[in-house]
Protein backbone atom coordinates (compact mmCIF):
# COMPACT_ATOMS: atom_id res chain seq x y z
CA MET A 1 -39.98 -11.87 78.22
CA PHE A 2 -41.48 -9.56 75.61
CA ALA A 3 -38.20 -7.63 75.41
CA LYS A 4 -36.26 -10.88 74.88
CA LYS A 5 -38.56 -11.87 72.00
CA ILE A 6 -38.02 -8.47 70.36
CA THR A 7 -34.25 -8.85 70.80
CA VAL A 8 -34.27 -12.35 69.26
CA SER A 9 -36.42 -11.12 66.37
CA LEU A 10 -34.07 -8.24 65.68
CA VAL A 11 -31.08 -10.60 65.71
CA VAL A 12 -32.80 -12.97 63.26
CA LEU A 13 -33.73 -10.09 60.95
CA GLY A 14 -30.16 -8.80 61.15
CA LEU A 15 -28.77 -12.20 60.21
CA LEU A 16 -31.22 -12.47 57.32
CA GLY A 17 -30.17 -9.02 56.15
CA VAL A 18 -26.51 -9.96 56.29
CA GLY A 19 -27.26 -13.17 54.40
CA ILE A 20 -29.16 -11.34 51.68
CA PHE A 21 -26.38 -8.75 51.38
CA PHE A 22 -23.75 -11.52 51.15
CA THR A 23 -25.74 -13.39 48.52
CA LYS A 24 -26.27 -10.29 46.36
CA SER A 25 -22.69 -9.11 46.78
CA TYR A 26 -20.67 -12.30 46.42
CA LEU A 27 -22.72 -14.96 44.66
CA PRO A 28 -22.98 -14.59 40.88
CA ILE A 29 -26.39 -13.64 39.57
CA PRO A 30 -26.29 -14.91 35.99
CA PRO A 31 -27.77 -12.90 33.13
CA SER A 32 -31.14 -14.16 31.99
CA ASP A 33 -29.70 -15.31 28.63
CA PRO A 34 -25.89 -15.57 28.80
CA GLN A 35 -25.58 -17.01 25.27
CA SER A 36 -27.36 -14.01 23.77
CA LEU A 37 -25.30 -11.66 25.96
CA VAL A 38 -22.02 -13.11 24.64
CA GLN A 39 -23.35 -12.91 21.09
CA GLU A 40 -24.34 -9.27 21.55
CA ALA A 41 -20.97 -8.43 23.12
CA LEU A 42 -19.12 -9.96 20.16
CA LEU A 43 -21.22 -7.94 17.75
CA ASN A 44 -20.57 -4.79 19.76
CA LEU A 45 -16.85 -5.18 19.07
CA PHE A 46 -17.65 -3.74 15.64
CA GLU A 47 -19.08 -0.64 17.31
CA ILE A 48 -15.76 0.23 18.97
CA LYS A 49 -14.25 3.15 17.06
CA SER A 50 -11.61 4.12 19.61
CA SER A 51 -10.26 2.73 22.87
CA PHE A 52 -7.33 2.23 25.21
CA SER A 53 -6.22 -1.28 26.12
CA GLU A 54 -3.67 -2.88 28.44
CA SER A 55 -2.64 -6.41 27.53
CA SER A 56 -0.08 -8.95 28.63
CA ALA A 57 1.17 -12.32 27.44
CA LYS A 58 3.29 -14.76 29.43
CA ILE A 59 4.65 -17.94 27.87
CA GLU A 60 6.85 -20.49 29.64
CA VAL A 61 8.57 -23.33 27.77
CA LYS A 62 10.07 -26.25 29.68
CA ASP A 63 12.23 -29.01 28.19
CA VAL A 64 10.86 -28.76 24.64
CA LYS A 65 13.68 -30.20 22.52
CA ASP A 66 16.19 -28.99 25.12
CA VAL A 67 14.71 -25.48 25.02
CA ASN A 68 13.68 -23.66 28.20
CA GLY A 69 12.54 -20.10 28.29
CA ASN A 70 10.22 -17.32 29.32
CA PHE A 71 8.54 -14.87 26.96
CA ASN A 72 6.78 -11.90 28.56
CA VAL A 73 5.13 -9.10 26.63
CA VAL A 74 3.15 -6.12 27.97
CA LEU A 75 1.25 -3.95 25.50
CA ASN A 76 -0.44 -0.59 26.04
CA ASN A 77 -2.40 0.39 22.98
CA LYS A 78 -4.35 3.53 22.09
CA ILE A 79 -6.35 3.49 18.86
CA SER A 80 -8.66 5.96 17.13
CA ASP A 81 -11.14 5.55 14.26
CA THR A 82 -11.04 1.83 13.51
CA THR A 83 -13.13 2.45 10.38
CA THR A 84 -10.06 3.79 8.54
CA PHE A 85 -7.07 1.84 7.25
CA PRO A 86 -4.62 2.05 8.79
CA SER A 87 -6.11 3.42 12.00
CA ASN A 88 -4.14 5.96 13.99
CA LEU A 89 -2.59 4.20 16.96
CA ASP A 90 -0.02 4.62 19.71
CA SER A 91 1.47 1.43 21.15
CA THR A 92 4.12 0.71 23.75
CA ILE A 93 5.37 -2.86 23.84
CA ASN A 94 7.62 -4.11 26.62
CA VAL A 95 9.43 -7.33 25.69
CA ASN A 96 11.35 -9.60 28.07
CA ILE A 97 12.71 -12.84 26.58
CA ASN A 98 15.08 -15.34 28.16
CA THR A 99 15.85 -18.72 26.60
CA LYS A 100 18.38 -21.48 27.07
CA SER A 101 19.08 -24.10 24.43
CA ILE A 102 21.97 -26.55 24.08
CA GLY A 103 24.04 -24.64 26.60
CA ARG A 104 23.51 -21.18 25.09
CA GLU A 105 21.53 -18.70 27.13
CA ILE A 106 20.24 -15.56 25.43
CA GLY A 107 18.08 -12.66 26.56
CA PHE A 108 16.38 -9.56 25.22
CA LEU A 109 14.75 -6.80 27.25
CA GLY A 110 13.43 -3.54 25.89
CA ASN A 111 10.60 -1.32 24.72
CA VAL A 112 9.19 -0.98 21.23
CA ASN A 113 7.16 2.16 20.56
CA LEU A 114 4.93 2.15 17.50
CA LYS A 115 2.76 4.96 16.18
CA ILE A 116 0.63 5.36 13.08
CA VAL A 117 -0.38 8.96 12.43
CA ASP A 118 -2.01 10.06 9.17
CA GLN A 119 -0.72 6.98 7.29
CA ILE A 120 2.87 7.38 8.48
CA PHE A 121 4.43 4.58 10.55
CA TYR A 122 6.80 5.56 13.37
CA VAL A 123 8.91 3.10 15.36
CA LYS A 124 11.44 3.44 18.18
CA LEU A 125 13.50 1.03 20.27
CA SER A 126 14.43 2.10 23.80
CA ASN A 127 15.89 0.73 27.05
CA VAL A 128 17.20 -2.32 25.22
CA GLU A 129 19.43 -4.80 27.04
CA THR A 130 20.69 -7.99 25.42
CA ASN A 131 22.42 -11.06 26.76
CA ASN A 132 24.70 -13.09 24.50
CA LEU A 133 23.36 -11.62 21.25
CA PRO A 134 26.43 -10.06 19.63
CA GLU A 135 24.83 -10.37 16.16
CA ILE A 136 22.39 -7.55 16.84
CA GLU A 137 24.02 -5.47 19.57
CA ASN A 138 25.76 -3.07 17.17
CA ILE A 139 22.61 -2.59 15.10
CA ILE A 140 20.50 -1.90 18.19
CA SER A 141 22.99 0.58 19.63
CA SER A 142 22.94 2.57 16.37
CA VAL A 143 19.14 2.87 16.20
CA GLN A 144 18.13 2.92 19.87
CA ASN A 145 16.18 5.90 21.26
CA LYS A 146 15.50 7.29 17.78
CA TRP A 147 12.17 7.63 16.03
CA PHE A 148 12.10 6.32 12.45
CA ALA A 149 9.33 7.33 10.04
CA LEU A 150 8.00 5.26 7.16
CA PRO A 151 5.18 6.82 5.05
CA LEU A 152 2.71 4.25 3.78
CA ASP A 153 2.84 5.64 0.23
CA ALA A 154 6.66 5.35 0.22
CA LEU A 155 6.37 1.72 1.27
CA GLY A 156 4.05 1.11 -1.67
CA GLU A 157 6.32 2.91 -4.13
CA SER A 158 9.24 0.66 -3.18
CA ASN A 159 7.21 -2.51 -3.74
CA PRO A 160 4.36 -2.37 -6.31
CA GLU A 161 2.90 -5.71 -5.20
CA LEU A 162 2.68 -4.51 -1.62
CA ALA A 163 1.11 -1.26 -2.82
CA THR A 164 -1.63 -3.28 -4.53
CA VAL A 165 -2.26 -5.24 -1.33
CA LEU A 166 -2.48 -2.07 0.77
CA GLU A 167 -4.92 -0.43 -1.63
CA GLU A 168 -7.04 -3.57 -1.65
CA GLN A 169 -7.07 -3.58 2.16
CA LYS A 170 -8.27 0.01 2.19
CA ARG A 171 -11.05 -0.83 -0.22
CA LEU A 172 -12.13 -3.99 1.58
CA GLN A 173 -11.92 -2.62 5.13
CA ASN A 174 -15.64 -1.94 5.51
CA GLU A 175 -16.62 -5.03 3.52
CA MET A 176 -14.52 -7.25 5.81
CA ARG A 177 -16.05 -5.73 8.93
CA ALA A 178 -19.56 -6.24 7.56
CA GLY A 179 -18.76 -9.82 6.54
CA LEU A 180 -17.32 -10.78 9.91
CA LYS A 181 -20.26 -9.17 11.67
CA ASN A 182 -22.66 -11.18 9.53
CA ILE A 183 -20.85 -14.42 10.43
CA ILE A 184 -21.23 -13.68 14.15
CA VAL A 185 -24.91 -12.78 13.69
CA ASN A 186 -25.60 -16.20 12.19
CA SER A 187 -23.25 -18.34 14.29
CA ASP A 188 -22.75 -19.07 17.99
CA VAL A 189 -18.95 -19.25 17.79
CA PHE A 190 -18.69 -19.69 21.58
CA LEU A 191 -20.61 -21.84 24.03
CA ILE A 192 -21.18 -20.89 27.67
CA LYS A 193 -19.25 -23.01 30.16
CA ASN A 194 -19.66 -21.10 33.39
CA ILE A 195 -20.68 -17.76 34.91
CA VAL A 196 -17.43 -17.18 36.79
CA ARG A 197 -18.39 -14.09 38.72
CA GLU A 198 -20.61 -11.03 38.70
CA PHE A 199 -19.11 -7.67 39.57
CA LYS A 200 -20.95 -4.43 40.09
CA LYS A 201 -20.48 -3.32 36.50
CA GLU A 202 -19.63 -6.48 34.56
CA TYR A 203 -20.01 -10.23 34.20
CA GLN A 204 -17.16 -12.71 33.87
CA ILE A 205 -18.30 -15.54 31.62
CA GLU A 206 -16.21 -18.58 30.73
CA VAL A 207 -16.72 -19.70 27.13
CA ALA A 208 -15.43 -22.44 24.84
CA PRO A 209 -15.10 -22.61 21.04
CA ASN A 210 -18.20 -24.15 19.44
CA LEU A 211 -16.64 -26.76 17.17
CA ASP A 212 -20.06 -27.74 15.79
CA VAL A 213 -20.10 -24.29 14.18
CA ILE A 214 -16.44 -23.45 13.61
CA LEU A 215 -15.41 -26.75 12.00
CA THR A 216 -18.03 -26.73 9.26
CA GLN A 217 -17.49 -26.11 5.59
CA GLU A 218 -20.10 -23.34 5.60
CA PHE A 219 -18.45 -21.38 8.41
CA LEU A 220 -14.88 -21.81 7.15
CA GLY A 221 -16.02 -21.13 3.59
CA ASN A 222 -17.61 -17.83 4.61
CA LEU A 223 -14.53 -16.92 6.65
CA GLN A 224 -12.24 -17.77 3.76
CA GLN A 225 -14.21 -15.57 1.36
CA ILE A 226 -13.84 -12.61 3.72
CA LEU A 227 -10.27 -12.98 4.93
CA MET A 228 -8.48 -15.28 2.50
CA ALA A 229 -9.90 -14.72 -0.96
CA GLY A 230 -8.29 -17.08 -3.46
CA LEU A 231 -7.82 -19.94 -1.01
CA THR A 232 -10.04 -23.00 -0.94
CA ALA A 233 -11.94 -23.94 2.19
CA PRO A 234 -11.33 -27.48 3.56
CA SER A 235 -13.58 -30.23 2.21
CA ASN A 236 -16.03 -32.09 4.43
CA GLU A 237 -13.69 -35.10 4.35
CA GLU A 238 -10.76 -32.99 5.51
CA LEU A 239 -12.88 -31.43 8.25
CA SER A 240 -13.99 -34.85 9.50
CA LYS A 241 -10.31 -35.72 10.02
CA LEU A 242 -9.49 -32.34 11.51
CA ARG A 243 -12.24 -32.27 14.11
CA PRO A 244 -10.99 -35.11 16.38
CA PHE A 245 -7.52 -33.58 16.32
CA VAL A 246 -8.78 -30.12 17.29
CA SER A 247 -11.05 -31.60 19.98
CA GLN A 248 -8.09 -33.48 21.42
CA ILE A 249 -5.95 -30.34 21.40
CA LEU A 250 -8.61 -28.35 23.27
CA GLU A 251 -9.10 -31.14 25.81
CA GLN A 252 -5.42 -31.78 26.45
CA THR A 253 -4.39 -28.11 26.61
CA ASN A 254 -6.86 -27.21 29.36
CA LEU A 255 -7.90 -24.07 27.49
CA LYS A 256 -9.74 -21.54 29.64
CA LEU A 257 -11.20 -18.36 28.16
CA VAL A 258 -13.11 -15.83 30.25
CA LEU A 259 -14.83 -12.79 28.73
CA GLN A 260 -15.47 -9.68 30.83
CA ILE A 261 -18.71 -8.09 29.61
CA GLY A 262 -20.15 -4.78 30.78
CA LYS A 263 -23.66 -4.95 32.22
CA SER A 264 -24.86 -1.63 30.87
CA ASP A 265 -23.08 -1.28 27.52
CA LYS A 266 -22.88 -5.02 26.66
CA MET A 267 -19.29 -4.43 25.52
CA ILE A 268 -16.33 -6.75 26.02
CA HIS A 269 -14.18 -4.96 28.61
CA GLY A 270 -11.44 -7.57 28.56
CA TYR A 271 -10.58 -11.24 28.57
CA ILE A 272 -8.43 -13.79 30.37
CA ALA A 273 -7.08 -16.82 28.52
CA LYS A 274 -4.92 -19.64 29.87
CA VAL A 275 -3.55 -22.78 28.28
CA ASP A 276 -1.24 -25.56 29.51
CA ILE A 277 0.16 -28.03 26.98
CA ASP A 278 1.91 -31.29 27.84
CA LEU A 279 3.39 -32.24 24.48
CA SER A 280 3.88 -35.86 25.50
CA LYS A 281 0.10 -36.31 25.72
CA LEU A 282 -0.67 -34.99 22.24
CA ASP A 283 -1.38 -37.54 19.55
CA LEU A 284 -0.22 -35.51 16.58
CA PRO A 285 -0.80 -36.73 13.02
CA ASN A 286 2.34 -37.86 11.17
CA LYS A 287 4.34 -37.58 14.37
CA SER A 288 7.84 -38.81 13.56
CA GLU A 289 9.33 -38.49 17.03
CA ASN A 290 8.25 -38.52 20.64
CA LEU A 291 7.56 -35.00 21.84
CA SER A 292 8.05 -33.99 25.43
CA GLY A 293 8.05 -30.89 27.57
CA THR A 294 5.40 -28.39 28.52
CA ILE A 295 4.20 -25.01 27.32
CA SER A 296 2.16 -22.75 29.59
CA ALA A 297 0.65 -19.51 28.39
CA SER A 298 -1.61 -16.84 29.82
CA PHE A 299 -3.08 -13.78 28.15
CA GLU A 300 -4.98 -10.90 29.68
CA SER A 301 -6.43 -7.72 28.27
CA LYS A 302 -8.44 -4.83 29.65
CA ILE A 303 -10.25 -2.41 27.35
CA THR A 304 -11.19 1.05 28.62
CA GLU A 305 -12.10 4.50 27.28
CA ILE A 306 -14.34 2.84 24.70
CA ASN A 307 -15.41 5.31 21.99
CA LYS A 308 -13.80 8.20 23.82
CA ARG A 309 -11.54 10.63 22.01
CA GLN A 310 -7.95 9.43 21.77
CA ILE A 311 -5.24 12.02 21.11
CA ILE A 312 -2.43 10.48 19.04
CA GLU A 313 0.40 12.76 17.96
CA ALA A 314 3.41 12.20 15.74
CA PRO A 315 6.89 12.39 17.32
CA ILE A 316 8.42 15.87 17.34
CA GLU A 317 11.57 14.56 15.65
CA SER A 318 12.04 11.50 13.44
CA THR A 319 14.39 10.14 10.79
CA ASP A 320 12.98 8.99 7.47
CA PHE A 321 13.51 5.30 6.84
CA ASP A 322 14.11 4.19 3.25
CA PRO A 323 11.77 1.23 2.66
CA ALA A 324 13.90 0.08 -0.27
CA VAL A 325 16.33 -1.41 2.26
CA LEU A 326 13.69 -4.04 3.04
CA PHE A 327 13.47 -5.25 -0.55
CA ASN A 328 17.05 -5.51 -1.78
CA PRO A 329 19.89 -7.98 -1.06
CA VAL A 330 21.94 -5.42 0.85
CA GLY A 331 19.07 -4.66 3.18
CA ALA A 332 18.36 -8.35 3.60
CA ASN A 333 21.97 -8.92 4.68
CA ILE A 334 21.77 -6.06 7.17
CA LEU A 335 18.55 -7.34 8.71
CA ALA A 336 19.46 -11.04 8.60
CA PRO A 337 20.88 -11.18 12.16
CA LEU A 338 17.59 -9.80 13.48
CA ILE A 339 15.48 -12.58 12.05
CA GLN A 340 17.74 -15.62 12.40
C-alpha cells in the first residue's frame, strides 16, 4: 500500500512538472509593461547603425477594374553607418510581377542589385525575363548583367536643384533623426492589441496605430516640420473629417501588425503586416463610381546582425552612367517605355 502511494505521488508530481513545463514553454508570458516595451523598441531603432535584413512583400489584386495580378518582391539588405548620408548599403531585390488587364497579360521576373559605396551608386539588372513587354526588352538586353556607376556629386552637377536637395539632406540627417526620436518619446504611436507569442529570445506583440495621437494637429505639425518643411499641416477641421475615413479604412482592411522584439536588447528584430481590402465595402469620399475587387497584401521583415560590422565593397568592374540622360528630352524618350 505504501509503495502504491509513493507511485501515485510520483505520477502526480510528474504530471505537475509536465504541466509547468508546457505552460512556461508554450503559453505567452507577457512583459510587465508591453506599452513601454514597444515604446523603447521604437526608440532603439535610432540606435541601429548597421544591420542585415531579409524582407518580402506579396500583393494580390483580384478584379479591380478588370485588373488581376500578383506582385512579389524579396529584398536582402545590408547597411552600414546609418548616421551618414547616404549610408553604404548592398541590396538584392528579386521582383516577380504578373498582371492581366483587358486581355493583355504581362510579366516581369528578375533581380535588381543596388550598392552605395563611398557616395557612388551602383546598379545592375540580372536574370531578367519578360512576358509580352516588347517596349523594354531591347533596353534590358543591352544593360543586363552589367554594373553601372553613378557618383552622387555627378548627379548633383547635372541638376543644380537636386544638388541643393542632396546637400540639405546631408545637413539635416542628424536633425531629422533627433526630431523623429523626440516625437516617439512624447507619443504612443501604437497601442497594444495582443501578446501573440513569447519565444525564448523575443516577444511577438500585435499593435495598432493610435489615431488619438497620430491624427492630431500637434503630431502631424511636428512631423511636417521634420520631414516636409514648407508644407502646412492639416487644420483641426480637416482632421475631424479625415479621422472617420481613416478609422473606416483600418476597420475594413483588417490590418494586422505584429512586432518582434528582443527580450534582452529591446530591439525590433522584425515585423509581420497583413491587410485585406474589399473595395466594395469602402465608403470613399467623392466616390464617382462603384468600386469592386479585392487587394490582399502581406509584408515580413527580419533584422539580424544588429550593430555588427558589415563589409560592403564596390563592384570590381562598372560602367559610368551619365546622369544628364535623366534630365534631357532624349533621355526621357529613351526611358519612357520603362515608366509607362
